[in-house]
Amino acid sequence: MGGEILVLRNSVVNWTFRWLLQFVENGKQELAKSLSYPTSAAAWESFKRDTGLLPEVAARALYLAWYAKQLGGVTLELESAYRSPAYQLELQRRWDSGNRAGLISRPASSSKHTEGRAFDIGIVGPDPSKELWEGLGRLGEALGLRWGGRFPSPDPVHFDY
């Protein structure tokens, strides 16, 4: 299975969008909706616009969610994607003042979130194990993403491109 991910790595944007359209055309629209996948070209454009992610990052986020569901029955939620520089600074100030609710580590001064190149995920269900996070990290890395779990101050919910 790992080889298949690597083969698709360079064309993941086009492949993911083609797969999503086939998924809908094959009568699986209800399942597609339950996985939070765009089910039309308009929905794909809306997903990119709403998240602020670049197309190549948005596709990888969706592909990561699909693989997590297919391989492990894990449902992912997109917790954070694009952030304005002002919001990034606000998160830093919150952390520095001791208000760390919802934050795993101190937000970086220079973040790929402000470029639409990063997203943070959550896992639906019980608290995930370290092994589950590591598995998701490896999946993301196979898709060409950098996983925050390998940062000096680990941030396992973070992926960027």
N, C-alpha and C. Protein backbone atom coordinates (compact mmCIF):
# COMPACT_ATOMS: atom_id res chain seq x y z
N MET A 1 0.83 -1.20 0.00
CA MET A 1 0.00 0.00 0.00
C MET A 1 0.86 1.25 0.00
N GLY A 2 1.98 1.26 0.73
CA GLY A 2 2.84 2.43 0.79
C GLY A 2 3.35 2.84 -0.57
N GLY A 3 3.68 1.88 -1.44
CA GLY A 3 4.17 2.20 -2.77
C GLY A 3 3.14 2.96 -3.57
N GLU A 4 1.85 2.59 -3.41
CA GLU A 4 0.80 3.27 -4.15
C GLU A 4 0.73 4.75 -3.77
N ILE A 5 0.90 5.05 -2.50
CA ILE A 5 0.87 6.45 -2.06
C ILE A 5 2.01 7.21 -2.74
N LEU A 6 3.20 6.63 -2.74
CA LEU A 6 4.36 7.32 -3.30
C LEU A 6 4.23 7.53 -4.80
N VAL A 7 3.63 6.56 -5.49
CA VAL A 7 3.44 6.70 -6.93
C VAL A 7 2.54 7.89 -7.22
N LEU A 8 1.54 8.11 -6.39
CA LEU A 8 0.57 9.19 -6.62
C LEU A 8 1.07 10.54 -6.13
N ARG A 9 2.16 10.55 -5.41
CA ARG A 9 2.63 11.75 -4.74
C ARG A 9 2.76 12.96 -5.68
N ASN A 10 3.34 12.79 -6.84
CA ASN A 10 3.59 13.94 -7.71
C ASN A 10 2.34 14.44 -8.43
N SER A 11 1.32 13.60 -8.53
CA SER A 11 0.11 14.04 -9.22
C SER A 11 -1.10 14.00 -8.30
N VAL A 12 -0.86 14.17 -7.01
CA VAL A 12 -1.93 13.98 -6.03
C VAL A 12 -3.09 14.95 -6.23
N VAL A 13 -2.84 16.18 -6.68
CA VAL A 13 -3.95 17.14 -6.85
C VAL A 13 -4.91 16.64 -7.92
N ASN A 14 -4.40 16.36 -9.11
CA ASN A 14 -5.27 15.91 -10.20
C ASN A 14 -5.90 14.56 -9.88
N TRP A 15 -5.11 13.65 -9.32
CA TRP A 15 -5.64 12.33 -9.01
C TRP A 15 -6.75 12.42 -7.99
N THR A 16 -6.55 13.21 -6.95
CA THR A 16 -7.56 13.32 -5.89
C THR A 16 -8.86 13.88 -6.45
N PHE A 17 -8.76 14.93 -7.26
CA PHE A 17 -9.99 15.52 -7.79
C PHE A 17 -10.69 14.55 -8.73
N ARG A 18 -9.94 13.85 -9.60
CA ARG A 18 -10.55 12.84 -10.48
C ARG A 18 -11.22 11.75 -9.67
N TRP A 19 -10.53 11.30 -8.60
CA TRP A 19 -11.08 10.24 -7.75
C TRP A 19 -12.37 10.71 -7.09
N LEU A 20 -12.40 11.94 -6.60
CA LEU A 20 -13.59 12.46 -5.93
C LEU A 20 -14.77 12.49 -6.89
N LEU A 21 -14.52 12.93 -8.14
CA LEU A 21 -15.61 12.98 -9.12
C LEU A 21 -16.10 11.57 -9.46
N GLN A 22 -15.18 10.62 -9.62
CA GLN A 22 -15.57 9.23 -9.88
C GLN A 22 -16.36 8.67 -8.71
N PHE A 23 -15.93 8.99 -7.52
CA PHE A 23 -16.58 8.53 -6.31
C PHE A 23 -18.05 8.94 -6.32
N VAL A 24 -18.33 10.18 -6.72
CA VAL A 24 -19.69 10.69 -6.77
C VAL A 24 -20.45 10.05 -7.92
N GLU A 25 -19.79 9.95 -9.09
CA GLU A 25 -20.46 9.39 -10.27
C GLU A 25 -20.83 7.92 -10.06
N ASN A 26 -20.10 7.21 -9.23
CA ASN A 26 -20.37 5.79 -8.97
C ASN A 26 -21.44 5.59 -7.90
N GLY A 27 -22.20 6.63 -7.60
CA GLY A 27 -23.33 6.49 -6.67
C GLY A 27 -22.94 6.50 -5.21
N LYS A 28 -21.78 6.98 -4.89
CA LYS A 28 -21.33 6.98 -3.50
C LYS A 28 -21.37 8.39 -2.91
N GLN A 29 -22.27 9.21 -3.40
CA GLN A 29 -22.33 10.59 -2.95
C GLN A 29 -22.59 10.70 -1.46
N GLU A 30 -23.45 9.84 -0.90
CA GLU A 30 -23.74 9.91 0.53
C GLU A 30 -22.49 9.60 1.35
N LEU A 31 -21.73 8.57 0.93
CA LEU A 31 -20.50 8.25 1.64
C LEU A 31 -19.50 9.39 1.49
N ALA A 32 -19.43 9.97 0.30
CA ALA A 32 -18.52 11.09 0.08
C ALA A 32 -18.86 12.23 1.03
N LYS A 33 -20.13 12.51 1.19
CA LYS A 33 -20.54 13.59 2.10
C LYS A 33 -20.16 13.26 3.54
N SER A 34 -20.31 11.99 3.93
CA SER A 34 -19.99 11.63 5.31
C SER A 34 -18.50 11.75 5.59
N LEU A 35 -17.67 11.67 4.55
CA LEU A 35 -16.23 11.84 4.71
C LEU A 35 -15.82 13.29 4.53
N SER A 36 -16.77 14.17 4.32
CA SER A 36 -16.55 15.60 4.13
C SER A 36 -15.73 15.91 2.88
N TYR A 37 -15.92 15.12 1.84
CA TYR A 37 -15.25 15.38 0.58
C TYR A 37 -16.13 16.25 -0.31
N PRO A 38 -15.53 17.15 -1.06
CA PRO A 38 -16.31 17.91 -2.05
C PRO A 38 -16.92 16.93 -3.05
N THR A 39 -18.18 17.13 -3.40
CA THR A 39 -18.85 16.20 -4.31
C THR A 39 -19.16 16.82 -5.67
N SER A 40 -18.57 17.96 -5.98
CA SER A 40 -18.72 18.58 -7.28
C SER A 40 -17.58 19.57 -7.48
N ALA A 41 -17.44 20.04 -8.70
CA ALA A 41 -16.40 21.04 -8.97
C ALA A 41 -16.65 22.29 -8.13
N ALA A 42 -17.91 22.69 -7.99
CA ALA A 42 -18.24 23.88 -7.20
C ALA A 42 -17.89 23.65 -5.73
N ALA A 43 -18.15 22.44 -5.23
CA ALA A 43 -17.83 22.15 -3.83
C ALA A 43 -16.32 22.14 -3.61
N TRP A 44 -15.57 21.65 -4.61
CA TRP A 44 -14.10 21.67 -4.52
C TRP A 44 -13.61 23.11 -4.43
N GLU A 45 -14.13 23.99 -5.27
CA GLU A 45 -13.75 25.41 -5.24
C GLU A 45 -14.12 26.03 -3.89
N SER A 46 -15.28 25.66 -3.38
CA SER A 46 -15.73 26.18 -2.09
C SER A 46 -14.82 25.69 -0.97
N PHE A 47 -14.41 24.42 -1.01
CA PHE A 47 -13.51 23.88 0.01
C PHE A 47 -12.20 24.65 0.02
N LYS A 48 -11.63 24.88 -1.16
CA LYS A 48 -10.37 25.62 -1.24
C LYS A 48 -10.55 27.05 -0.72
N ARG A 49 -11.64 27.68 -1.12
CA ARG A 49 -11.89 29.07 -0.69
C ARG A 49 -12.12 29.15 0.82
N ASP A 50 -12.94 28.24 1.34
CA ASP A 50 -13.28 28.27 2.77
C ASP A 50 -12.09 27.98 3.66
N THR A 51 -11.20 27.08 3.23
CA THR A 51 -10.04 26.73 4.06
C THR A 51 -8.88 27.67 3.83
N GLY A 52 -8.83 28.33 2.67
CA GLY A 52 -7.71 29.19 2.34
C GLY A 52 -6.46 28.42 1.96
N LEU A 53 -6.60 27.10 1.76
CA LEU A 53 -5.44 26.29 1.40
C LEU A 53 -5.17 26.36 -0.10
N LEU A 54 -3.89 26.31 -0.45
CA LEU A 54 -3.51 26.20 -1.85
C LEU A 54 -4.03 24.86 -2.38
N PRO A 55 -4.34 24.77 -3.68
CA PRO A 55 -4.91 23.52 -4.22
C PRO A 55 -4.09 22.28 -3.91
N GLU A 56 -2.76 22.38 -4.04
CA GLU A 56 -1.93 21.20 -3.79
C GLU A 56 -1.94 20.78 -2.33
N VAL A 57 -2.21 21.71 -1.43
CA VAL A 57 -2.28 21.40 0.00
C VAL A 57 -3.68 20.88 0.33
N ALA A 58 -4.70 21.51 -0.23
CA ALA A 58 -6.08 21.06 0.00
C ALA A 58 -6.26 19.61 -0.45
N ALA A 59 -5.70 19.27 -1.61
CA ALA A 59 -5.82 17.91 -2.11
C ALA A 59 -5.14 16.92 -1.17
N ARG A 60 -3.97 17.28 -0.68
CA ARG A 60 -3.26 16.39 0.24
C ARG A 60 -4.01 16.23 1.56
N ALA A 61 -4.64 17.28 2.03
CA ALA A 61 -5.44 17.19 3.26
C ALA A 61 -6.60 16.22 3.06
N LEU A 62 -7.27 16.32 1.92
CA LEU A 62 -8.38 15.41 1.64
C LEU A 62 -7.89 13.98 1.48
N TYR A 63 -6.77 13.82 0.82
CA TYR A 63 -6.23 12.49 0.60
C TYR A 63 -5.81 11.86 1.94
N LEU A 64 -5.22 12.64 2.82
CA LEU A 64 -4.85 12.16 4.15
C LEU A 64 -6.11 11.68 4.89
N ALA A 65 -7.18 12.47 4.81
CA ALA A 65 -8.43 12.10 5.48
C ALA A 65 -9.00 10.81 4.89
N TRP A 66 -8.93 10.68 3.58
CA TRP A 66 -9.45 9.47 2.93
C TRP A 66 -8.66 8.25 3.36
N TYR A 67 -7.34 8.34 3.33
CA TYR A 67 -6.52 7.20 3.73
C TYR A 67 -6.73 6.84 5.20
N ALA A 68 -6.85 7.83 6.06
CA ALA A 68 -7.08 7.55 7.49
C ALA A 68 -8.38 6.78 7.67
N LYS A 69 -9.40 7.16 6.91
CA LYS A 69 -10.71 6.49 7.00
C LYS A 69 -10.63 5.07 6.44
N GLN A 70 -10.00 4.92 5.27
CA GLN A 70 -9.94 3.62 4.61
C GLN A 70 -9.03 2.63 5.34
N LEU A 71 -7.89 3.09 5.80
CA LEU A 71 -6.91 2.19 6.40
C LEU A 71 -7.17 1.92 7.88
N GLY A 72 -7.70 2.91 8.58
CA GLY A 72 -7.84 2.73 10.02
C GLY A 72 -9.21 3.04 10.57
N GLY A 73 -10.17 3.40 9.70
CA GLY A 73 -11.49 3.75 10.19
C GLY A 73 -11.51 5.03 11.02
N VAL A 74 -10.48 5.88 10.81
CA VAL A 74 -10.32 7.11 11.60
C VAL A 74 -10.91 8.28 10.83
N THR A 75 -11.74 9.06 11.48
CA THR A 75 -12.32 10.26 10.86
C THR A 75 -11.55 11.48 11.34
N LEU A 76 -11.06 12.25 10.38
CA LEU A 76 -10.31 13.47 10.70
C LEU A 76 -11.19 14.69 10.51
N GLU A 77 -10.91 15.71 11.29
CA GLU A 77 -11.55 17.02 11.14
C GLU A 77 -10.46 18.04 10.88
N LEU A 78 -10.77 18.99 10.03
CA LEU A 78 -9.85 20.09 9.78
C LEU A 78 -10.09 21.13 10.87
N GLU A 79 -9.12 21.30 11.75
CA GLU A 79 -9.26 22.21 12.88
C GLU A 79 -8.84 23.63 12.53
N SER A 80 -7.82 23.74 11.69
CA SER A 80 -7.27 25.05 11.34
C SER A 80 -6.56 24.94 10.00
N ALA A 81 -6.66 25.97 9.20
CA ALA A 81 -5.96 25.98 7.91
C ALA A 81 -5.31 27.36 7.76
N TYR A 82 -5.79 28.15 6.80
CA TYR A 82 -5.20 29.48 6.62
C TYR A 82 -5.46 30.33 7.86
N ARG A 83 -4.44 31.10 8.24
CA ARG A 83 -4.57 32.09 9.31
C ARG A 83 -3.96 33.39 8.81
N SER A 84 -4.62 34.48 9.09
CA SER A 84 -4.02 35.77 8.74
C SER A 84 -2.81 36.01 9.64
N PRO A 85 -1.86 36.81 9.20
CA PRO A 85 -0.72 37.13 10.07
C PRO A 85 -1.17 37.72 11.42
N ALA A 86 -2.24 38.53 11.39
CA ALA A 86 -2.74 39.13 12.64
C ALA A 86 -3.27 38.05 13.59
N TYR A 87 -3.97 37.07 13.06
CA TYR A 87 -4.49 36.00 13.91
C TYR A 87 -3.35 35.13 14.44
N GLN A 88 -2.34 34.89 13.62
CA GLN A 88 -1.18 34.13 14.07
C GLN A 88 -0.52 34.83 15.26
N LEU A 89 -0.38 36.16 15.15
CA LEU A 89 0.20 36.95 16.24
C LEU A 89 -0.69 36.89 17.49
N GLU A 90 -1.99 36.93 17.28
CA GLU A 90 -2.93 36.83 18.41
C GLU A 90 -2.76 35.49 19.14
N LEU A 91 -2.59 34.41 18.39
CA LEU A 91 -2.37 33.09 19.00
C LEU A 91 -1.07 33.06 19.80
N GLN A 92 -0.03 33.70 19.27
CA GLN A 92 1.24 33.77 20.01
C GLN A 92 1.05 34.52 21.32
N ARG A 93 0.36 35.65 21.26
CA ARG A 93 0.14 36.46 22.47
C ARG A 93 -0.68 35.69 23.50
N ARG A 94 -1.69 34.95 23.00
CA ARG A 94 -2.49 34.12 23.91
C ARG A 94 -1.60 33.11 24.63
N TRP A 95 -0.76 32.43 23.87
CA TRP A 95 0.15 31.42 24.45
C TRP A 95 1.05 32.07 25.49
N ASP A 96 1.65 33.21 25.10
CA ASP A 96 2.60 33.88 25.99
C ASP A 96 1.95 34.39 27.27
N SER A 97 0.66 34.70 27.21
CA SER A 97 -0.04 35.18 28.41
C SER A 97 -0.53 34.04 29.30
N GLY A 98 -0.33 32.79 28.82
CA GLY A 98 -0.74 31.63 29.61
C GLY A 98 -2.08 31.04 29.20
N ASN A 99 -2.78 31.69 28.26
CA ASN A 99 -4.06 31.17 27.76
C ASN A 99 -3.75 30.22 26.61
N ARG A 100 -3.63 28.94 26.92
CA ARG A 100 -3.19 27.95 25.92
C ARG A 100 -4.30 27.01 25.48
N ALA A 101 -5.54 27.37 25.77
CA ALA A 101 -6.67 26.53 25.39
C ALA A 101 -6.66 26.29 23.88
N GLY A 102 -6.70 25.02 23.50
CA GLY A 102 -6.75 24.66 22.08
C GLY A 102 -5.40 24.70 21.38
N LEU A 103 -4.35 25.03 22.09
CA LEU A 103 -3.01 25.10 21.48
C LEU A 103 -2.13 24.00 22.06
N ILE A 104 -1.37 23.36 21.19
CA ILE A 104 -0.48 22.28 21.63
C ILE A 104 0.92 22.81 21.88
N SER A 105 1.34 23.77 21.06
CA SER A 105 2.65 24.39 21.22
C SER A 105 2.53 25.86 20.82
N ARG A 106 3.56 26.63 21.13
CA ARG A 106 3.53 28.06 20.81
C ARG A 106 3.51 28.25 19.30
N PRO A 107 2.53 28.99 18.79
CA PRO A 107 2.50 29.26 17.35
C PRO A 107 3.79 29.96 16.89
N ALA A 108 4.28 29.55 15.75
CA ALA A 108 5.53 30.07 15.21
C ALA A 108 5.39 31.52 14.77
N SER A 109 6.50 32.24 14.79
CA SER A 109 6.51 33.62 14.30
C SER A 109 6.30 33.66 12.79
N SER A 110 6.90 32.71 12.10
CA SER A 110 6.73 32.58 10.66
C SER A 110 6.04 31.25 10.42
N SER A 111 4.82 31.29 9.94
CA SER A 111 4.02 30.07 9.82
C SER A 111 3.53 29.85 8.40
N LYS A 112 3.54 28.60 7.98
CA LYS A 112 2.99 28.26 6.67
C LYS A 112 1.46 28.38 6.67
N HIS A 113 0.86 28.49 7.85
CA HIS A 113 -0.58 28.74 7.91
C HIS A 113 -0.91 30.07 7.22
N THR A 114 -0.03 31.07 7.37
CA THR A 114 -0.31 32.39 6.79
C THR A 114 -0.11 32.41 5.27
N GLU A 115 0.39 31.31 4.71
CA GLU A 115 0.59 31.18 3.26
C GLU A 115 -0.42 30.22 2.62
N GLY A 116 -1.31 29.63 3.43
CA GLY A 116 -2.24 28.62 2.91
C GLY A 116 -1.56 27.30 2.64
N ARG A 117 -0.42 27.06 3.30
CA ARG A 117 0.37 25.84 3.07
C ARG A 117 0.35 24.90 4.28
N ALA A 118 -0.50 25.16 5.27
CA ALA A 118 -0.52 24.32 6.47
C ALA A 118 -1.94 24.12 6.97
N PHE A 119 -2.13 23.00 7.64
CA PHE A 119 -3.41 22.72 8.27
C PHE A 119 -3.17 21.89 9.53
N ASP A 120 -4.10 22.01 10.46
CA ASP A 120 -4.09 21.22 11.69
C ASP A 120 -5.33 20.34 11.67
N ILE A 121 -5.17 19.12 12.14
CA ILE A 121 -6.29 18.18 12.14
C ILE A 121 -6.65 17.78 13.56
N GLY A 122 -7.87 17.31 13.69
CA GLY A 122 -8.33 16.68 14.91
C GLY A 122 -8.83 15.30 14.55
N ILE A 123 -8.91 14.43 15.53
CA ILE A 123 -9.41 13.08 15.31
C ILE A 123 -10.74 12.95 16.03
N VAL A 124 -11.76 12.52 15.31
CA VAL A 124 -13.09 12.35 15.88
C VAL A 124 -13.09 11.06 16.70
N GLY A 125 -13.53 11.15 17.93
CA GLY A 125 -13.59 9.96 18.77
C GLY A 125 -12.73 10.10 20.00
N PRO A 126 -12.41 8.95 20.61
CA PRO A 126 -11.61 8.98 21.84
C PRO A 126 -10.21 9.54 21.60
N ASP A 127 -9.55 9.91 22.69
CA ASP A 127 -8.19 10.45 22.58
C ASP A 127 -7.31 9.50 21.79
N PRO A 128 -6.65 10.01 20.76
CA PRO A 128 -5.82 9.15 19.93
C PRO A 128 -4.53 8.76 20.64
N SER A 129 -4.05 7.59 20.30
CA SER A 129 -2.79 7.11 20.86
C SER A 129 -1.61 7.74 20.12
N LYS A 130 -0.45 7.64 20.74
CA LYS A 130 0.77 8.11 20.10
C LYS A 130 1.00 7.35 18.79
N GLU A 131 0.69 6.07 18.77
CA GLU A 131 0.87 5.25 17.57
C GLU A 131 -0.03 5.73 16.43
N LEU A 132 -1.26 6.13 16.78
CA LEU A 132 -2.17 6.63 15.74
C LEU A 132 -1.62 7.91 15.14
N TRP A 133 -1.16 8.84 15.99
CA TRP A 133 -0.58 10.08 15.47
C TRP A 133 0.63 9.78 14.59
N GLU A 134 1.48 8.85 15.03
CA GLU A 134 2.67 8.51 14.23
C GLU A 134 2.28 7.91 12.89
N GLY A 135 1.24 7.08 12.88
CA GLY A 135 0.75 6.52 11.62
C GLY A 135 0.23 7.59 10.68
N LEU A 136 -0.54 8.54 11.23
CA LEU A 136 -1.03 9.65 10.40
C LEU A 136 0.13 10.50 9.90
N GLY A 137 1.13 10.69 10.77
CA GLY A 137 2.31 11.45 10.36
C GLY A 137 3.02 10.79 9.19
N ARG A 138 3.17 9.47 9.24
CA ARG A 138 3.83 8.75 8.14
C ARG A 138 3.00 8.84 6.86
N LEU A 139 1.67 8.75 6.98
CA LEU A 139 0.81 8.90 5.80
C LEU A 139 1.01 10.28 5.18
N GLY A 140 0.99 11.31 6.03
CA GLY A 140 1.19 12.67 5.53
C GLY A 140 2.53 12.83 4.84
N GLU A 141 3.57 12.27 5.44
CA GLU A 141 4.91 12.36 4.85
C GLU A 141 4.96 11.64 3.50
N ALA A 142 4.26 10.53 3.37
CA ALA A 142 4.21 9.81 2.10
C ALA A 142 3.53 10.65 1.02
N LEU A 143 2.66 11.57 1.45
CA LEU A 143 1.99 12.47 0.51
C LEU A 143 2.81 13.73 0.23
N GLY A 144 4.00 13.80 0.80
CA GLY A 144 4.86 14.96 0.57
C GLY A 144 4.68 16.06 1.58
N LEU A 145 3.91 15.80 2.64
CA LEU A 145 3.70 16.80 3.68
C LEU A 145 4.79 16.69 4.74
N ARG A 146 5.04 17.78 5.42
CA ARG A 146 5.93 17.77 6.59
C ARG A 146 5.02 17.64 7.81
N TRP A 147 5.37 16.73 8.71
CA TRP A 147 4.53 16.46 9.87
C TRP A 147 5.11 17.14 11.10
N GLY A 148 4.27 17.88 11.81
CA GLY A 148 4.68 18.61 13.00
C GLY A 148 5.09 17.74 14.18
N GLY A 149 4.76 16.47 14.14
CA GLY A 149 5.18 15.56 15.20
C GLY A 149 6.69 15.37 15.27
N ARG A 150 7.38 15.78 14.21
CA ARG A 150 8.84 15.67 14.18
C ARG A 150 9.53 17.01 14.52
N PHE A 151 8.77 18.04 14.83
CA PHE A 151 9.35 19.33 15.19
C PHE A 151 10.09 19.22 16.53
N PRO A 152 11.07 20.11 16.79
CA PRO A 152 11.75 20.11 18.10
C PRO A 152 10.76 20.21 19.27
N SER A 153 9.72 21.05 19.10
CA SER A 153 8.59 21.07 20.04
C SER A 153 7.43 20.43 19.29
N PRO A 154 7.22 19.12 19.47
CA PRO A 154 6.25 18.39 18.64
C PRO A 154 4.86 19.01 18.62
N ASP A 155 4.28 19.02 17.43
CA ASP A 155 2.94 19.53 17.18
C ASP A 155 2.25 18.50 16.27
N PRO A 156 1.81 17.37 16.84
CA PRO A 156 1.34 16.25 16.01
C PRO A 156 0.11 16.52 15.16
N VAL A 157 -0.63 17.57 15.47
CA VAL A 157 -1.84 17.88 14.68
C VAL A 157 -1.51 18.66 13.41
N HIS A 158 -0.26 19.09 13.26
CA HIS A 158 0.14 20.01 12.19
C HIS A 158 0.75 19.27 11.00
N PHE A 159 0.33 19.70 9.80
CA PHE A 159 0.93 19.25 8.54
C PHE A 159 1.15 20.48 7.67
N ASP A 160 2.25 20.52 6.95
CA ASP A 160 2.44 21.62 5.99
C ASP A 160 3.16 21.11 4.76
N TYR A 161 3.15 21.97 3.73
CA TYR A 161 3.72 21.61 2.43
C TYR A 161 4.58 22.75 1.93
